[in-house]
């Protein structure tokens, strides 16, 4: 039964394996320094994703809140809520499209000298 269970070799660790692990760790550190990737930071994709999510939620909540307040004020429930919710969605998608559309350098306007 003891042979069936995984575990460490009772003979102890091999010095060659410890030496190999040290050399691998040293090589990995040298490669990270060479590539300039010492710390992993948020990339542009995740920042853009967070911004898109914020625009979408902000447009929906903002439009719904303004519509709800105006409905309570004028007693037109639920029409202004629906109208402003739609306007919030349109504004959110317009902002998302503007954020994600990247112009190429040749599409940009003339540069001033």
N, C-alpha and C. Protein backbone atom coordinates (compact mmCIF):
# COMPACT_ATOMS: atom_id res chain seq x y z
N UNK A 1 0.81 -1.19 0.00
CA UNK A 1 0.00 0.00 0.00
C UNK A 1 0.86 1.25 0.00
N UNK A 2 1.98 1.22 0.68
CA UNK A 2 2.84 2.38 0.76
C UNK A 2 3.43 2.71 -0.60
N UNK A 3 3.61 1.72 -1.45
CA UNK A 3 4.18 1.96 -2.78
C UNK A 3 3.18 2.63 -3.70
N UNK A 4 1.89 2.53 -3.40
CA UNK A 4 0.86 3.12 -4.25
C UNK A 4 0.68 4.61 -4.01
N UNK A 5 1.08 5.13 -2.88
CA UNK A 5 0.86 6.54 -2.57
C UNK A 5 2.04 7.37 -3.07
N UNK A 6 1.74 8.51 -3.70
CA UNK A 6 2.82 9.38 -4.17
C UNK A 6 3.46 10.12 -3.00
N UNK A 7 4.68 10.49 -3.16
CA UNK A 7 5.36 11.22 -2.09
C UNK A 7 6.81 11.43 -2.45
N UNK A 8 7.56 11.90 -1.51
CA UNK A 8 8.99 12.13 -1.72
C UNK A 8 9.75 10.83 -1.62
N UNK A 9 10.84 10.80 -2.30
CA UNK A 9 11.73 9.65 -2.23
C UNK A 9 12.38 9.65 -0.85
N UNK A 10 12.30 8.57 -0.12
CA UNK A 10 12.85 8.55 1.24
C UNK A 10 14.37 8.69 1.28
N UNK A 11 15.03 8.56 0.13
CA UNK A 11 16.49 8.62 0.12
C UNK A 11 17.00 10.05 0.27
N UNK A 12 16.15 11.03 0.14
CA UNK A 12 16.58 12.42 0.25
C UNK A 12 16.66 13.07 -1.12
N UNK A 13 16.94 14.37 -1.12
CA UNK A 13 16.98 15.09 -2.37
C UNK A 13 18.34 14.96 -3.01
N UNK A 14 18.32 14.99 -4.33
CA UNK A 14 19.54 14.90 -5.10
C UNK A 14 20.10 16.31 -5.26
N UNK A 15 21.39 16.47 -5.04
CA UNK A 15 22.01 17.80 -5.15
C UNK A 15 22.00 18.29 -6.60
N UNK A 16 21.97 17.38 -7.56
CA UNK A 16 21.92 17.79 -8.96
C UNK A 16 20.59 18.46 -9.27
N UNK A 17 19.49 17.96 -8.68
CA UNK A 17 18.18 18.56 -8.92
C UNK A 17 18.11 19.96 -8.30
N UNK A 18 18.63 20.10 -7.09
CA UNK A 18 18.64 21.42 -6.44
C UNK A 18 19.47 22.40 -7.25
N UNK A 19 20.59 21.96 -7.77
CA UNK A 19 21.44 22.81 -8.60
C UNK A 19 20.72 23.20 -9.89
N UNK A 20 20.03 22.24 -10.49
CA UNK A 20 19.28 22.52 -11.71
C UNK A 20 18.17 23.53 -11.46
N UNK A 21 17.45 23.41 -10.35
CA UNK A 21 16.38 24.36 -10.02
C UNK A 21 16.94 25.76 -9.82
N UNK A 22 18.10 25.87 -9.19
CA UNK A 22 18.73 27.19 -9.00
C UNK A 22 19.12 27.80 -10.34
N UNK A 23 19.67 26.99 -11.24
CA UNK A 23 20.06 27.51 -12.55
C UNK A 23 18.85 27.92 -13.38
N UNK A 24 17.76 27.16 -13.27
CA UNK A 24 16.54 27.52 -14.00
C UNK A 24 15.97 28.83 -13.48
N UNK A 25 15.93 29.00 -12.16
CA UNK A 25 15.42 30.24 -11.58
C UNK A 25 16.28 31.43 -11.99
N UNK A 26 17.59 31.24 -12.01
CA UNK A 26 18.51 32.31 -12.43
C UNK A 26 18.29 32.66 -13.89
N UNK A 27 18.10 31.65 -14.74
CA UNK A 27 17.86 31.90 -16.16
C UNK A 27 16.52 32.60 -16.38
N UNK A 28 15.49 32.25 -15.60
CA UNK A 28 14.19 32.91 -15.73
C UNK A 28 14.27 34.37 -15.32
N UNK A 29 14.99 34.67 -14.24
CA UNK A 29 15.16 36.06 -13.83
C UNK A 29 15.91 36.86 -14.89
N UNK A 30 16.96 36.27 -15.46
CA UNK A 30 17.73 36.95 -16.50
C UNK A 30 16.87 37.21 -17.73
N UNK A 31 16.01 36.26 -18.08
CA UNK A 31 15.14 36.44 -19.24
C UNK A 31 14.10 37.52 -19.00
N UNK A 32 13.55 37.59 -17.78
CA UNK A 32 12.59 38.65 -17.46
C UNK A 32 13.24 40.02 -17.55
N UNK A 33 14.46 40.11 -17.05
CA UNK A 33 15.17 41.39 -17.12
C UNK A 33 15.48 41.75 -18.57
N UNK A 34 15.87 40.75 -19.35
CA UNK A 34 16.20 40.99 -20.76
C UNK A 34 14.97 41.48 -21.52
N UNK A 35 13.81 40.93 -21.23
CA UNK A 35 12.59 41.32 -21.91
C UNK A 35 11.97 42.58 -21.33
N UNK A 36 12.43 43.00 -20.19
CA UNK A 36 11.89 44.19 -19.55
C UNK A 36 10.53 43.94 -18.92
N UNK A 37 10.23 42.71 -18.61
CA UNK A 37 8.93 42.36 -18.03
C UNK A 37 9.12 41.92 -16.59
N UNK A 38 9.59 42.84 -15.76
CA UNK A 38 9.82 42.46 -14.37
C UNK A 38 8.51 42.39 -13.59
N UNK A 39 7.54 43.26 -13.91
CA UNK A 39 6.25 43.24 -13.23
C UNK A 39 5.15 43.16 -14.27
N UNK A 40 4.12 42.39 -13.96
CA UNK A 40 2.99 42.31 -14.86
C UNK A 40 2.01 43.40 -14.48
N UNK A 41 1.70 44.25 -15.46
CA UNK A 41 0.78 45.35 -15.22
C UNK A 41 -0.44 45.15 -16.11
N UNK A 42 -1.48 45.92 -15.82
CA UNK A 42 -2.69 45.85 -16.64
C UNK A 42 -2.35 46.32 -18.05
N UNK A 43 -2.78 45.56 -19.03
CA UNK A 43 -2.50 45.93 -20.40
C UNK A 43 -3.58 46.87 -20.93
N UNK A 44 -3.35 47.35 -22.14
CA UNK A 44 -4.29 48.29 -22.73
C UNK A 44 -5.66 47.67 -22.95
N UNK A 45 -5.70 46.37 -23.23
CA UNK A 45 -6.97 45.70 -23.47
C UNK A 45 -7.87 45.69 -22.25
N UNK A 46 -7.30 45.40 -21.10
CA UNK A 46 -8.14 45.37 -19.89
C UNK A 46 -8.57 46.77 -19.48
N UNK A 47 -7.72 47.76 -19.69
CA UNK A 47 -8.12 49.14 -19.39
C UNK A 47 -9.25 49.58 -20.31
N UNK A 48 -9.13 49.22 -21.60
CA UNK A 48 -10.18 49.58 -22.54
C UNK A 48 -11.48 48.85 -22.20
N UNK A 49 -11.38 47.60 -21.80
CA UNK A 49 -12.57 46.85 -21.41
C UNK A 49 -13.27 47.46 -20.22
N UNK A 50 -12.50 47.88 -19.24
CA UNK A 50 -13.10 48.54 -18.07
C UNK A 50 -13.76 49.86 -18.46
N UNK A 51 -13.14 50.59 -19.36
CA UNK A 51 -13.70 51.87 -19.80
C UNK A 51 -15.00 51.66 -20.56
N UNK A 52 -15.03 50.63 -21.44
CA UNK A 52 -16.24 50.32 -22.19
C UNK A 52 -17.38 49.93 -21.24
N UNK A 53 -17.06 49.10 -20.25
CA UNK A 53 -18.07 48.70 -19.28
C UNK A 53 -18.61 49.90 -18.51
N UNK A 54 -17.73 50.80 -18.12
CA UNK A 54 -18.15 51.99 -17.39
C UNK A 54 -19.05 52.88 -18.26
N UNK A 55 -18.70 53.03 -19.53
CA UNK A 55 -19.53 53.84 -20.43
C UNK A 55 -20.92 53.22 -20.60
N UNK A 56 -20.97 51.90 -20.75
CA UNK A 56 -22.25 51.23 -20.95
C UNK A 56 -23.13 51.35 -19.72
N UNK A 57 -22.58 51.06 -18.57
CA UNK A 57 -23.36 51.14 -17.33
C UNK A 57 -23.76 52.59 -17.05
N UNK A 58 -22.83 53.51 -17.26
CA UNK A 58 -23.12 54.92 -17.00
C UNK A 58 -24.23 55.45 -17.89
N UNK A 59 -24.20 55.07 -19.17
CA UNK A 59 -25.26 55.53 -20.08
C UNK A 59 -26.62 54.98 -19.69
N UNK A 60 -26.66 53.70 -19.35
CA UNK A 60 -27.94 53.09 -18.95
C UNK A 60 -28.48 53.69 -17.67
N UNK A 61 -27.64 53.75 -16.66
CA UNK A 61 -28.08 54.27 -15.35
C UNK A 61 -28.42 55.75 -15.43
N UNK A 62 -27.59 56.51 -16.13
CA UNK A 62 -27.84 57.94 -16.25
C UNK A 62 -29.14 58.23 -16.97
N UNK A 63 -29.37 57.56 -18.10
CA UNK A 63 -30.60 57.78 -18.84
C UNK A 63 -31.83 57.36 -18.05
N UNK A 64 -31.74 56.20 -17.38
CA UNK A 64 -32.87 55.72 -16.59
C UNK A 64 -33.16 56.66 -15.42
N UNK A 65 -32.13 57.13 -14.77
CA UNK A 65 -32.32 58.02 -13.62
C UNK A 65 -32.95 59.35 -14.04
N UNK A 66 -32.46 59.94 -15.10
CA UNK A 66 -33.03 61.20 -15.58
C UNK A 66 -34.48 61.01 -16.01
N UNK A 67 -34.75 59.92 -16.73
CA UNK A 67 -36.13 59.64 -17.15
C UNK A 67 -37.06 59.41 -15.98
N UNK A 68 -36.60 58.68 -14.98
CA UNK A 68 -37.42 58.40 -13.82
C UNK A 68 -37.75 59.69 -13.06
N UNK A 69 -36.74 60.54 -12.88
CA UNK A 69 -36.96 61.80 -12.16
C UNK A 69 -37.96 62.68 -12.91
N UNK A 70 -37.79 62.78 -14.24
CA UNK A 70 -38.70 63.62 -15.02
C UNK A 70 -40.11 63.02 -15.04
N UNK A 71 -40.22 61.70 -15.05
CA UNK A 71 -41.54 61.06 -14.96
C UNK A 71 -42.22 61.41 -13.64
N UNK A 72 -41.49 61.38 -12.55
CA UNK A 72 -42.07 61.72 -11.24
C UNK A 72 -42.47 63.19 -11.21
N UNK A 73 -41.66 64.03 -11.87
CA UNK A 73 -41.92 65.46 -11.87
C UNK A 73 -43.17 65.81 -12.68
N UNK A 74 -43.29 65.22 -13.88
CA UNK A 74 -44.39 65.57 -14.79
C UNK A 74 -45.54 64.57 -14.79
N UNK A 75 -45.40 63.43 -14.12
CA UNK A 75 -46.47 62.43 -14.07
C UNK A 75 -46.71 61.74 -15.39
N UNK A 76 -45.69 61.51 -16.16
CA UNK A 76 -45.84 60.90 -17.49
C UNK A 76 -45.36 59.46 -17.51
N UNK A 77 -45.38 58.80 -16.37
CA UNK A 77 -44.82 57.46 -16.23
C UNK A 77 -45.38 56.51 -17.27
N UNK A 78 -44.66 55.70 -17.90
CA UNK A 78 -43.22 55.44 -17.96
C UNK A 78 -42.57 56.02 -19.20
N UNK A 79 -43.20 56.97 -19.88
CA UNK A 79 -42.73 57.39 -21.20
C UNK A 79 -41.39 58.10 -21.17
N UNK A 80 -41.19 59.03 -20.28
CA UNK A 80 -39.89 59.72 -20.25
C UNK A 80 -38.77 58.79 -19.80
N UNK A 81 -39.09 57.84 -18.93
CA UNK A 81 -38.11 56.84 -18.53
C UNK A 81 -37.65 56.05 -19.74
N UNK A 82 -38.58 55.60 -20.57
CA UNK A 82 -38.22 54.83 -21.76
C UNK A 82 -37.44 55.67 -22.77
N UNK A 83 -37.87 56.92 -22.96
CA UNK A 83 -37.18 57.79 -23.91
C UNK A 83 -35.74 58.06 -23.47
N UNK A 84 -35.56 58.42 -22.21
CA UNK A 84 -34.21 58.73 -21.74
C UNK A 84 -33.35 57.48 -21.58
N UNK A 85 -33.96 56.35 -21.32
CA UNK A 85 -33.21 55.10 -21.30
C UNK A 85 -32.68 54.80 -22.70
N UNK A 86 -33.52 55.00 -23.71
CA UNK A 86 -33.07 54.83 -25.10
C UNK A 86 -31.97 55.80 -25.47
N UNK A 87 -32.12 57.06 -25.05
CA UNK A 87 -31.07 58.05 -25.32
C UNK A 87 -29.77 57.70 -24.60
N UNK A 88 -29.88 57.16 -23.39
CA UNK A 88 -28.69 56.74 -22.66
C UNK A 88 -27.97 55.60 -23.36
N UNK A 89 -28.74 54.66 -23.91
CA UNK A 89 -28.14 53.54 -24.64
C UNK A 89 -27.44 54.05 -25.90
N UNK A 90 -28.10 54.95 -26.62
CA UNK A 90 -27.50 55.51 -27.84
C UNK A 90 -26.21 56.25 -27.49
N UNK A 91 -26.24 57.05 -26.45
CA UNK A 91 -25.04 57.80 -26.05
C UNK A 91 -23.92 56.86 -25.61
N UNK A 92 -24.28 55.80 -24.90
CA UNK A 92 -23.26 54.84 -24.44
C UNK A 92 -22.60 54.15 -25.63
N UNK A 93 -23.40 53.69 -26.58
CA UNK A 93 -22.82 53.01 -27.74
C UNK A 93 -22.02 53.97 -28.61
N UNK A 94 -22.45 55.23 -28.70
CA UNK A 94 -21.68 56.21 -29.45
C UNK A 94 -20.31 56.41 -28.81
N UNK A 95 -20.28 56.50 -27.48
CA UNK A 95 -19.01 56.65 -26.78
C UNK A 95 -18.14 55.41 -26.91
N UNK A 96 -18.77 54.22 -26.88
CA UNK A 96 -18.00 52.99 -27.02
C UNK A 96 -17.39 52.90 -28.41
N UNK A 97 -18.15 53.24 -29.42
CA UNK A 97 -17.62 53.23 -30.79
C UNK A 97 -16.49 54.23 -30.93
N UNK A 98 -16.65 55.40 -30.33
CA UNK A 98 -15.60 56.41 -30.40
C UNK A 98 -14.33 55.95 -29.67
N UNK A 99 -14.50 55.24 -28.56
CA UNK A 99 -13.34 54.74 -27.81
C UNK A 99 -12.58 53.65 -28.57
N UNK A 100 -13.33 52.76 -29.21
CA UNK A 100 -12.69 51.60 -29.82
C UNK A 100 -12.25 51.82 -31.24
N UNK A 101 -12.67 52.89 -31.88
CA UNK A 101 -12.23 53.17 -33.23
C UNK A 101 -10.89 53.89 -33.18
N UNK A 102 -9.90 53.25 -33.79
CA UNK A 102 -8.56 53.81 -33.80
C UNK A 102 -8.25 54.28 -35.21
N UNK A 103 -7.90 55.54 -35.34
CA UNK A 103 -7.56 56.08 -36.65
C UNK A 103 -6.11 55.75 -36.97
N UNK A 104 -5.89 55.40 -38.22
CA UNK A 104 -4.52 55.19 -38.68
C UNK A 104 -3.87 56.55 -38.89
N UNK A 105 -2.55 56.62 -38.84
CA UNK A 105 -1.88 57.91 -39.01
C UNK A 105 -2.21 58.60 -40.33
N UNK A 106 -2.45 57.84 -41.41
CA UNK A 106 -2.76 58.46 -42.70
C UNK A 106 -4.21 58.96 -42.77
N UNK A 107 -5.08 58.56 -41.83
CA UNK A 107 -6.47 59.02 -41.81
C UNK A 107 -6.63 60.29 -40.99
N UNK A 108 -5.68 60.60 -40.16
CA UNK A 108 -5.80 61.79 -39.32
C UNK A 108 -5.61 63.04 -40.18
N UNK A 109 -6.14 64.12 -39.68
CA UNK A 109 -6.08 65.37 -40.41
C UNK A 109 -4.65 65.85 -40.58
N UNK A 110 -4.49 66.93 -41.36
CA UNK A 110 -3.14 67.45 -41.59
C UNK A 110 -2.54 67.96 -40.29
N UNK A 111 -1.28 67.66 -40.12
CA UNK A 111 -0.61 68.11 -38.90
C UNK A 111 -0.05 69.50 -39.10
N UNK A 112 -0.09 70.27 -38.02
CA UNK A 112 0.43 71.63 -38.10
C UNK A 112 1.93 71.61 -37.88
N UNK A 113 2.66 72.42 -38.64
CA UNK A 113 4.14 72.42 -38.53
C UNK A 113 4.65 72.98 -37.26
